[in-house]
PDB file of N, CA and C in Angstrom:
ATOM      1  N   MET A   1     184.904  18.572 250.053  1.00  0.00           N
ATOM      2  CA  MET A   1     184.312  18.065 248.905  1.00  0.00           C
ATOM      3  C   MET A   1     184.711  18.685 247.695  1.00  0.00           C
ATOM      4  N   SER A   2     184.974  17.899 246.634  1.00  0.00           N
ATOM      5  CA  SER A   2     185.323  18.647 245.382  1.00  0.00           C
ATOM      6  C   SER A   2     183.978  19.417 244.672  1.00  0.00           C
ATOM      7  N   SER A   3     184.367  20.312 243.602  1.00  0.00           N
ATOM      8  CA  SER A   3     183.417  20.978 243.374  1.00  0.00           C
ATOM      9  C   SER A   3     182.456  20.310 242.492  1.00  0.00           C
ATOM     10  N   SER A   4     182.945  19.246 241.933  1.00  0.00           N
ATOM     11  CA  SER A   4     181.854  18.290 240.898  1.00  0.00           C
ATOM     12  C   SER A   4     181.107  17.572 241.908  1.00  0.00           C
ATOM     13  N   ILE A   5     181.633  17.129 242.924  1.00  0.00           N
ATOM     14  CA  ILE A   5     180.677  16.457 243.745  1.00  0.00           C
ATOM     15  C   ILE A   5     179.548  17.314 244.520  1.00  0.00           C
ATOM     16  N   ALA A   6     180.074  18.442 244.869  1.00  0.00           N
ATOM     17  CA  ALA A   6     179.124  19.538 245.124  1.00  0.00           C
ATOM     18  C   ALA A   6     177.828  19.823 244.528  1.00  0.00           C
ATOM     19  N   ALA A   7     178.638  20.009 243.237  1.00  0.00           N
ATOM     20  CA  ALA A   7     177.487  20.246 241.954  1.00  0.00           C
ATOM     21  C   ALA A   7     176.386  19.036 241.938  1.00  0.00           C
ATOM     22  N   GLU A   8     177.093  18.010 242.059  1.00  0.00           N
ATOM     23  CA  GLU A   8     175.977  16.826 241.869  1.00  0.00           C
ATOM     24  C   GLU A   8     174.920  16.869 243.027  1.00  0.00           C
ATOM     25  N   SER A   9     175.452  16.786 244.334  1.00  0.00           N
ATOM     26  CA  SER A   9     174.530  17.008 245.516  1.00  0.00           C
ATOM     27  C   SER A   9     173.701  18.412 245.245  1.00  0.00           C
ATOM     28  N   ASP A  10     173.889  19.662 244.780  1.00  0.00           N
ATOM     29  CA  ASP A  10     173.116  20.403 244.622  1.00  0.00           C
ATOM     30  C   ASP A  10     171.912  19.943 243.775  1.00  0.00           C
ATOM     31  N   PHE A  11     172.492  19.498 242.355  1.00  0.00           N
ATOM     32  CA  PHE A  11     171.366  18.993 241.294  1.00  0.00           C
ATOM     33  C   PHE A  11     170.524  18.018 242.163  1.00  0.00           C
ATOM     34  N   HIS A  12     171.079  17.136 242.790  1.00  0.00           N
ATOM     35  CA  HIS A  12     170.208  16.075 243.384  1.00  0.00           C
ATOM     36  C   HIS A  12     169.145  16.789 244.420  1.00  0.00           C
ATOM     37  N   ARG A  13     169.603  17.775 245.121  1.00  0.00           N
ATOM     38  CA  ARG A  13     168.724  18.089 246.015  1.00  0.00           C
ATOM     39  C   ARG A  13     167.686  19.189 245.277  1.00  0.00           C
ATOM     40  N   ALA A  14     168.020  19.835 244.421  1.00  0.00           N
ATOM     41  CA  ALA A  14     167.176  20.659 243.245  1.00  0.00           C
ATOM     42  C   ALA A  14     166.086  19.525 242.722  1.00  0.00           C
ATOM     43  N   LEU A  15     166.497  18.887 242.086  1.00  0.00           N
ATOM     44  CA  LEU A  15     165.649  17.726 241.797  1.00  0.00           C
ATOM     45  C   LEU A  15     164.692  17.015 242.357  1.00  0.00           C
ATOM     46  N   ALA A  16     164.945  16.732 243.857  1.00  0.00           N
ATOM     47  CA  ALA A  16     164.168  16.420 244.938  1.00  0.00           C
ATOM     48  C   ALA A  16     163.118  17.634 245.055  1.00  0.00           C
ATOM     49  N   ALA A  17     163.459  19.015 245.196  1.00  0.00           N
ATOM     50  CA  ALA A  17     162.860  19.806 245.567  1.00  0.00           C
ATOM     51  C   ALA A  17     161.761  19.943 244.396  1.00  0.00           C
ATOM     52  N   MET A  18     162.067  20.081 243.245  1.00  0.00           N
ATOM     53  CA  MET A  18     161.318  20.040 241.902  1.00  0.00           C
ATOM     54  C   MET A  18     160.197  19.168 241.938  1.00  0.00           C
ATOM     55  N   LEU A  19     160.576  17.881 242.091  1.00  0.00           N
ATOM     56  CA  LEU A  19     159.623  16.803 241.939  1.00  0.00           C
ATOM     57  C   LEU A  19     158.572  16.845 243.332  1.00  0.00           C
ATOM     58  N   ALA A  20     158.938  17.522 244.227  1.00  0.00           N
ATOM     59  CA  ALA A  20     158.063  17.596 245.526  1.00  0.00           C
ATOM     60  C   ALA A  20     157.162  18.715 244.966  1.00  0.00           C
ATOM     61  N   ASP A  21     157.835  19.561 244.575  1.00  0.00           N
ATOM     62  CA  ASP A  21     156.830  21.237 244.202  1.00  0.00           C
ATOM     63  C   ASP A  21     155.770  20.706 242.899  1.00  0.00           C
ATOM     64  N   LEU A  22     156.270  20.106 242.065  1.00  0.00           N
ATOM     65  CA  LEU A  22     155.492  19.476 240.986  1.00  0.00           C
ATOM     66  C   LEU A  22     153.982  18.659 241.253  1.00  0.00           C
ATOM     67  N   ARG A  23     154.625  17.633 242.282  1.00  0.00           N
ATOM     68  CA  ARG A  23     153.655  16.728 242.984  1.00  0.00           C
ATOM     69  C   ARG A  23     152.593  17.392 243.632  1.00  0.00           C
ATOM     70  N   SER A  24     153.085  18.322 244.313  1.00  0.00           N
ATOM     71  CA  SER A  24     151.937  19.417 245.208  1.00  0.00           C
ATOM     72  C   SER A  24     151.368  20.153 244.124  1.00  0.00           C
ATOM     73  N   LYS A  25     151.814  20.559 243.350  1.00  0.00           N
ATOM     74  CA  LYS A  25     151.117  21.575 242.508  1.00  0.00           C
ATOM     75  C   LYS A  25     149.858  20.811 241.493  1.00  0.00           C
ATOM     76  N   SER A  26     150.136  19.455 241.455  1.00  0.00           N
ATOM     77  CA  SER A  26     149.383  18.524 240.726  1.00  0.00           C
ATOM     78  C   SER A  26     148.348  18.232 241.684  1.00  0.00           C
ATOM     79  N   HIS A  27     148.588  18.283 242.978  1.00  0.00           N
ATOM     80  CA  HIS A  27     147.522  17.752 243.988  1.00  0.00           C
ATOM     81  C   HIS A  27     147.660  16.457 243.983  1.00  0.00           C
ATOM     82  N   ALA A  28     148.584  15.984 243.728  1.00  0.00           N
ATOM     83  CA  ALA A  28     148.833  14.258 244.055  1.00  0.00           C
ATOM     84  C   ALA A  28     149.306  13.970 245.180  1.00  0.00           C
ATOM     85  N   SER A  29     148.827  13.053 246.246  1.00  0.00           N
ATOM     86  CA  SER A  29     149.583  12.825 247.226  1.00  0.00           C
ATOM     87  C   SER A  29     150.842  11.703 247.065  1.00  0.00           C
ATOM     88  N   GLN A  30     151.738  11.834 247.985  1.00  0.00           N
ATOM     89  CA  GLN A  30     152.734  10.841 247.851  1.00  0.00           C
ATOM     90  C   GLN A  30     152.310   9.215 247.563  1.00  0.00           C
ATOM     91  N   GLY A  31     151.177   9.025 248.143  1.00  0.00           N
ATOM     92  CA  GLY A  31     150.635   7.444 247.930  1.00  0.00           C
ATOM     93  C   GLY A  31     150.070   7.432 246.500  1.00  0.00           C
ATOM     94  N   THR A  32     149.498   8.488 246.076  1.00  0.00           N
ATOM     95  CA  THR A  32     148.981   8.316 244.702  1.00  0.00           C
ATOM     96  C   THR A  32     150.283   8.261 243.766  1.00  0.00           C
ATOM     97  N   LEU A  33     150.925   9.056 243.724  1.00  0.00           N
ATOM     98  CA  LEU A  33     152.198   9.131 242.868  1.00  0.00           C
ATOM     99  C   LEU A  33     152.908   7.782 243.244  1.00  0.00           C
ATOM    100  N   ALA A  34     153.003   7.395 244.219  1.00  0.00           N
ATOM    101  CA  ALA A  34     153.759   5.839 244.375  1.00  0.00           C
ATOM    102  C   ALA A  34     153.146   4.832 243.769  1.00  0.00           C
ATOM    103  N   ALA A  35     151.819   4.832 243.651  1.00  0.00           N
ATOM    104  CA  ALA A  35     150.914   3.851 242.864  1.00  0.00           C
ATOM    105  C   ALA A  35     151.382   3.877 241.455  1.00  0.00           C
ATOM    106  N   GLU A  36     151.320   5.109 241.055  1.00  0.00           N
ATOM    107  CA  GLU A  36     151.418   5.221 239.674  1.00  0.00           C
ATOM    108  C   GLU A  36     152.669   4.677 239.194  1.00  0.00           C
ATOM    109  N   LEU A  37     153.689   4.998 240.144  1.00  0.00           N
ATOM    110  CA  LEU A  37     155.009   4.571 239.858  1.00  0.00           C
ATOM    111  C   LEU A  37     155.269   3.103 240.342  1.00  0.00           C
ATOM    112  N   GLY A  38     154.386   2.523 240.728  1.00  0.00           N
ATOM    113  CA  GLY A  38     154.746   0.939 241.462  1.00  0.00           C
ATOM    114  C   GLY A  38     155.729   0.790 242.450  1.00  0.00           C
ATOM    115  N   ILE A  39     155.722   1.869 243.226  1.00  0.00           N
ATOM    116  CA  ILE A  39     156.566   1.952 244.516  1.00  0.00           C
ATOM    117  C   ILE A  39     155.885   2.346 245.692  1.00  0.00           C
ATOM    118  N   ASP A  40     156.360   2.294 246.830  1.00  0.00           N
ATOM    119  CA  ASP A  40     155.772   2.497 247.922  1.00  0.00           C
ATOM    120  C   ASP A  40     155.893   4.160 248.451  1.00  0.00           C
ATOM    121  N   GLN A  41     155.153   4.395 249.362  1.00  0.00           N
ATOM    122  CA  GLN A  41     155.002   5.732 249.455  1.00  0.00           C
ATOM    123  C   GLN A  41     155.982   6.210 250.396  1.00  0.00           C
ATOM    124  N   ALA A  42     156.885   5.458 251.041  1.00  0.00           N
ATOM    125  CA  ALA A  42     158.060   5.918 251.730  1.00  0.00           C
ATOM    126  C   ALA A  42     159.311   6.025 250.817  1.00  0.00           C
ATOM    127  N   ALA A  43     159.300   5.382 249.686  1.00  0.00           N
ATOM    128  CA  ALA A  43     160.201   5.514 248.474  1.00  0.00           C
ATOM    129  C   ALA A  43     160.202   7.000 247.984  1.00  0.00           C
ATOM    130  N   VAL A  44     158.933   7.382 247.584  1.00  0.00           N
ATOM    131  CA  VAL A  44     158.829   8.834 247.270  1.00  0.00           C
ATOM    132  C   VAL A  44     159.035  10.062 248.040  1.00  0.00           C
ATOM    133  N   SER A  45     158.603   9.644 249.486  1.00  0.00           N
ATOM    134  CA  SER A  45     159.196  10.306 250.475  1.00  0.00           C
ATOM    135  C   SER A  45     160.596  10.524 250.604  1.00  0.00           C
ATOM    136  N   ARG A  46     161.400   9.343 250.519  1.00  0.00           N
ATOM    137  CA  ARG A  46     162.886   9.422 250.641  1.00  0.00           C
ATOM    138  C   ARG A  46     163.534  10.397 249.265  1.00  0.00           C
ATOM    139  N   VAL A  47     162.811  10.107 248.353  1.00  0.00           N
ATOM    140  CA  VAL A  47     163.186  10.839 247.030  1.00  0.00           C
ATOM    141  C   VAL A  47     163.225  12.355 247.399  1.00  0.00           C
ATOM    142  N   GLU A  48     161.782  12.679 247.872  1.00  0.00           N
ATOM    143  CA  GLU A  48     161.472  14.254 247.891  1.00  0.00           C
ATOM    144  C   GLU A  48     162.324  14.798 249.139  1.00  0.00           C
ATOM    145  N   SER A  49     162.730  13.999 249.963  1.00  0.00           N
ATOM    146  CA  SER A  49     163.574  14.595 251.417  1.00  0.00           C
ATOM    147  C   SER A  49     164.969  14.623 250.598  1.00  0.00           C
ATOM    148  N   GLY A  50     165.537  13.838 249.682  1.00  0.00           N
ATOM    149  CA  GLY A  50     166.695  13.971 249.267  1.00  0.00           C
ATOM    150  C   GLY A  50     167.603  13.043 249.852  1.00  0.00           C
ATOM    151  N   GLN A  51     166.778  11.717 250.617  1.00  0.00           N
ATOM    152  CA  GLN A  51     167.650  10.603 251.269  1.00  0.00           C
ATOM    153  C   GLN A  51     168.011   9.510 250.012  1.00  0.00           C
ATOM    154  N   ARG A  52     167.197   9.592 248.770  1.00  0.00           N
ATOM    155  CA  ARG A  52     167.377   8.719 247.451  1.00  0.00           C
ATOM    156  C   ARG A  52     167.452   9.360 246.426  1.00  0.00           C
ATOM    157  N   ARG A  53     168.610   9.088 245.602  1.00  0.00           N
ATOM    158  CA  ARG A  53     168.596   9.672 244.255  1.00  0.00           C
ATOM    159  C   ARG A  53     168.052   8.733 243.232  1.00  0.00           C
ATOM    160  N   LEU A  54     167.782   9.728 242.183  1.00  0.00           N
ATOM    161  CA  LEU A  54     167.252   8.825 241.053  1.00  0.00           C
ATOM    162  C   LEU A  54     167.892   8.545 240.049  1.00  0.00           C
ATOM    163  N   THR A  55     167.808   8.008 239.252  1.00  0.00           N
ATOM    164  CA  THR A  55     168.517   7.957 237.912  1.00  0.00           C
ATOM    165  C   THR A  55     167.817   8.615 237.030  1.00  0.00           C
ATOM    166  N   VAL A  56     168.571   8.646 235.930  1.00  0.00           N
ATOM    167  CA  VAL A  56     168.030   9.689 234.758  1.00  0.00           C
ATOM    168  C   VAL A  56     166.421   8.997 234.304  1.00  0.00           C
ATOM    169  N   ALA A  57     166.459   7.432 233.969  1.00  0.00           N
ATOM    170  CA  ALA A  57     165.362   7.091 233.819  1.00  0.00           C
ATOM    171  C   ALA A  57     164.230   7.041 234.870  1.00  0.00           C
ATOM    172  N   ASP A  58     164.700   7.205 235.855  1.00  0.00           N
ATOM    173  CA  ASP A  58     163.430   7.001 237.115  1.00  0.00           C
ATOM    174  C   ASP A  58     163.134   8.778 237.091  1.00  0.00           C
ATOM    175  N   ALA A  59     164.020   9.689 236.786  1.00  0.00           N
ATOM    176  CA  ALA A  59     163.620  10.996 237.009  1.00  0.00           C
ATOM    177  C   ALA A  59     162.495  11.181 235.808  1.00  0.00           C
ATOM    178  N   PHE A  60     162.490  10.728 234.404  1.00  0.00           N
ATOM    179  CA  PHE A  60     162.045  10.719 233.440  1.00  0.00           C
ATOM    180  C   PHE A  60     160.439   9.997 233.965  1.00  0.00           C
ATOM    181  N   ALA A  61     160.454   8.841 234.464  1.00  0.00           N
ATOM    182  CA  ALA A  61     159.147   8.201 234.913  1.00  0.00           C
ATOM    183  C   ALA A  61     158.477   8.990 235.753  1.00  0.00           C
ATOM    184  N   TRP A  62     159.091   9.465 236.929  1.00  0.00           N
ATOM    185  CA  TRP A  62     158.411  10.394 237.714  1.00  0.00           C
ATOM    186  C   TRP A  62     157.628  11.601 237.247  1.00  0.00           C
ATOM    187  N   LEU A  63     158.672  12.369 236.263  1.00  0.00           N
ATOM    188  CA  LEU A  63     157.871  13.461 235.578  1.00  0.00           C
ATOM    189  C   LEU A  63     156.773  13.023 234.537  1.00  0.00           C
ATOM    190  N   GLU A  64     156.972  11.935 234.001  1.00  0.00           N
ATOM    191  CA  GLU A  64     155.786  11.696 233.238  1.00  0.00           C
ATOM    192  C   GLU A  64     154.619  11.249 233.926  1.00  0.00           C
ATOM    193  N   ALA A  65     154.835  10.800 235.348  1.00  0.00           N
ATOM    194  CA  ALA A  65     153.616  10.370 235.743  1.00  0.00           C
ATOM    195  C   ALA A  65     153.071  11.514 236.629  1.00  0.00           C
ATOM    196  N   LEU A  66     153.864  12.649 236.566  1.00  0.00           N
ATOM    197  CA  LEU A  66     153.212  13.939 236.997  1.00  0.00           C
ATOM    198  C   LEU A  66     152.853  14.578 235.966  1.00  0.00           C
ATOM    199  N   GLY A  67     152.601  14.015 234.643  1.00  0.00           N
ATOM    200  CA  GLY A  67     151.768  15.079 233.821  1.00  0.00           C
ATOM    201  C   GLY A  67     152.756  15.499 232.636  1.00  0.00           C
ATOM    202  N   LEU A  68     154.151  15.302 232.649  1.00  0.00           N
ATOM    203  CA  LEU A  68     155.216  16.055 231.668  1.00  0.00           C
ATOM    204  C   LEU A  68     155.364  15.337 230.664  1.00  0.00           C
ATOM    205  N   THR A  69     155.599  15.813 229.365  1.00  0.00           N
ATOM    206  CA  THR A  69     156.082  14.842 228.333  1.00  0.00           C
ATOM    207  C   THR A  69     157.359  14.708 228.407  1.00  0.00           C
ATOM    208  N   ALA A  70     157.891  13.869 227.589  1.00  0.00           N
ATOM    209  CA  ALA A  70     159.335  13.432 227.305  1.00  0.00           C
ATOM    210  C   ALA A  70     160.083  14.614 226.834  1.00  0.00           C
ATOM    211  N   ASP A  71     159.547  15.688 226.119  1.00  0.00           N
ATOM    212  CA  ASP A  71     160.153  16.740 226.077  1.00  0.00           C
ATOM    213  C   ASP A  71     160.342  17.979 226.825  1.00  0.00           C
ATOM    214  N   GLU A  72     159.131  17.966 227.691  1.00  0.00           N
ATOM    215  CA  GLU A  72     159.114  18.918 228.692  1.00  0.00           C
ATOM    216  C   GLU A  72     160.128  18.444 229.536  1.00  0.00           C
ATOM    217  N   SER A  73     159.919  17.187 230.124  1.00  0.00           N
ATOM    218  CA  SER A  73     160.729  16.403 231.065  1.00  0.00           C
ATOM    219  C   SER A  73     162.393  16.962 230.997  1.00  0.00           C
ATOM    220  N   ALA A  74     162.822  16.720 229.630  1.00  0.00           N
ATOM    221  CA  ALA A  74     164.042  17.056 229.106  1.00  0.00           C
ATOM    222  C   ALA A  74     164.439  18.335 229.307  1.00  0.00           C
ATOM    223  N   VAL A  75     163.592  19.254 228.847  1.00  0.00           N
ATOM    224  CA  VAL A  75     163.999  20.575 228.858  1.00  0.00           C
ATOM    225  C   VAL A  75     164.118  21.193 230.737  1.00  0.00           C
ATOM    226  N   ARG A  76     163.173  20.492 231.318  1.00  0.00           N
ATOM    227  CA  ARG A  76     163.227  20.715 232.830  1.00  0.00           C
ATOM    228  C   ARG A  76     164.586  20.284 233.588  1.00  0.00           C
ATOM    229  N   LEU A  77     164.990  19.114 233.100  1.00  0.00           N
ATOM    230  CA  LEU A  77     166.181  18.468 233.674  1.00  0.00           C
ATOM    231  C   LEU A  77     167.327  19.251 233.178  1.00  0.00           C
ATOM    232  N   ARG A  78     167.373  19.631 231.893  1.00  0.00           N
ATOM    233  CA  ARG A  78     168.494  20.381 231.130  1.00  0.00           C
ATOM    234  C   ARG A  78     168.628  21.789 232.084  1.00  0.00           C
ATOM    235  N   ASP A  79     167.518  22.249 232.180  1.00  0.00           N
ATOM    236  CA  ASP A  79     167.424  23.857 232.809  1.00  0.00           C
ATOM    237  C   ASP A  79     168.110  23.544 234.352  1.00  0.00           C
ATOM    238  N   LEU A  80     167.519  22.561 235.011  1.00  0.00           N
ATOM    239  CA  LEU A  80     167.855  22.326 236.348  1.00  0.00           C
ATOM    240  C   LEU A  80     169.289  22.068 236.333  1.00  0.00           C
ATOM    241  N   TRP A  81     170.119  21.413 235.365  1.00  0.00           N
ATOM    242  CA  TRP A  81     171.531  21.073 235.520  1.00  0.00           C
ATOM    243  C   TRP A  81     172.203  22.177 234.902  1.00  0.00           C
ATOM    244  N   LYS A  82     171.693  23.041 234.061  1.00  0.00           N
ATOM    245  CA  LYS A  82     172.365  24.333 233.822  1.00  0.00           C
ATOM    246  C   LYS A  82     172.757  25.231 235.217  1.00  0.00           C
ATOM    247  N   VAL A  83     171.519  24.971 235.989  1.00  0.00           N
ATOM    248  CA  VAL A  83     171.714  26.196 237.307  1.00  0.00           C
ATOM    249  C   VAL A  83     172.240  25.367 238.600  1.00  0.00           C
ATOM    250  N   HIS A  84     172.132  24.072 238.745  1.00  0.00           N
ATOM    251  CA  HIS A  84     172.650  23.301 239.714  1.00  0.00           C
ATOM    252  C   HIS A  84     173.725  22.166 239.517  1.00  0.00           C
ATOM    253  N   GLY A  85     173.817  22.176 238.094  1.00  0.00           N
ATOM    254  CA  GLY A  85     174.776  20.979 238.063  1.00  0.00           C
ATOM    255  C   GLY A  85     176.215  21.295 237.838  1.00  0.00           C
ATOM    256  N   GLY A  86     176.731  20.796 236.932  1.00  0.00           N
ATOM    257  CA  GLY A  86     178.460  20.683 236.757  1.00  0.00           C
ATOM    258  C   GLY A  86     178.266  19.306 236.159  1.00  0.00           C
ATOM    259  N   ARG A  87     179.384  18.684 235.925  1.00  0.00           N
ATOM    260  CA  ARG A  87     180.071  17.319 235.640  1.00  0.00           C
ATOM    261  C   ARG A  87     180.375  16.598 236.862  1.00  0.00           C
ATOM    262  N   PRO A  88     179.395  15.719 237.272  1.00  0.00           N
ATOM    263  CA  PRO A  88     179.731  14.713 238.287  1.00  0.00           C
ATOM    264  C   PRO A  88     180.677  13.604 237.909  1.00  0.00           C
ATOM    265  N   PRO A  89     181.350  13.398 238.737  1.00  0.00           N
ATOM    266  CA  PRO A  89     182.704  12.618 238.483  1.00  0.00           C
ATOM    267  C   PRO A  89     182.288  11.388 237.727  1.00  0.00           C
ATOM    268  N   GLY A  90     182.934  10.865 236.518  1.00  0.00           N
ATOM    269  CA  GLY A  90     182.412   9.587 236.005  1.00  0.00           C
ATOM    270  C   GLY A  90     183.459   9.412 234.839  1.00  0.00           C
ATOM    271  N   PHE A  91     182.908   8.573 234.032  1.00  0.00           N
ATOM    272  CA  PHE A  91     184.197   7.853 232.897  1.00  0.00           C
ATOM    273  C   PHE A  91     184.509   8.957 232.431  1.00  0.00           C
ATOM    274  N   TRP A  92     183.771   9.815 231.664  1.00  0.00           N
ATOM    275  CA  TRP A  92     184.148  10.969 230.527  1.00  0.00           C
ATOM    276  C   TRP A  92     184.842  12.091 231.309  1.00  0.00           C
ATOM    277  N   ASN A  93     184.945  12.069 232.377  1.00  0.00           N
ATOM    278  CA  ASN A  93     185.865  13.120 232.860  1.00  0.00           C
ATOM    279  C   ASN A  93     186.829  12.718 233.797  1.00  0.00           C
ATOM    280  N   GLU A  94     186.869  11.894 234.246  1.00  0.00           N
ATOM    281  CA  GLU A  94     188.111  11.197 235.228  1.00  0.00           C
ATOM    282  C   GLU A  94     189.371  11.269 234.187  1.00  0.00           C
ATOM    283  N   PRO A  95     190.470  11.605 234.778  1.00  0.00           N
ATOM    284  CA  PRO A  95     191.773  11.892 234.312  1.00  0.00           C
ATOM    285  C   PRO A  95     192.049  10.282 233.700  1.00  0.00           C
ATOM    286  N   SER A  96     192.816  10.394 232.443  1.00  0.00           N
ATOM    287  CA  SER A  96     193.428   9.131 231.906  1.00  0.00           C
ATOM    288  C   SER A  96     194.117   8.591 232.994  1.00  0.00           C
ATOM    289  N   ARG A  97     194.065   7.033 232.498  1.00  0.00           N
ATOM    290  CA  ARG A  97     195.025   6.392 233.366  1.00  0.00           C
ATOM    291  C   ARG A  97     195.822   5.559 233.085  1.00  0.00           C
ATOM    292  N   GLY A  98     196.463   5.834 231.699  1.00  0.00           N
ATOM    293  CA  GLY A  98     197.033   4.840 230.811  1.00  0.00           C
ATOM    294  C   GLY A  98     198.654   5.342 230.833  1.00  0.00           C
TER     295      GLY A  98
END
């Protein structure tokens, strides 16, 4: 596994753990969070267990549903990325093909 793919996996695992922890600390059930997000409880479970990854927009929606502002969410995601991130494979860091 390349280091950038490993870093991306680490980030998603850390994000899942952070979301589960925040939900637990807010004393919300998975069902309550699911209702707030307009999804089913099983989807919340899959995210928290690391079986489903979130987009950036989804992560912000989850954090907002858990009571964080956009600024607080951005700081949390930035800090999580600094510790567990890296640059996942993508358009901006792939070698030139020309």
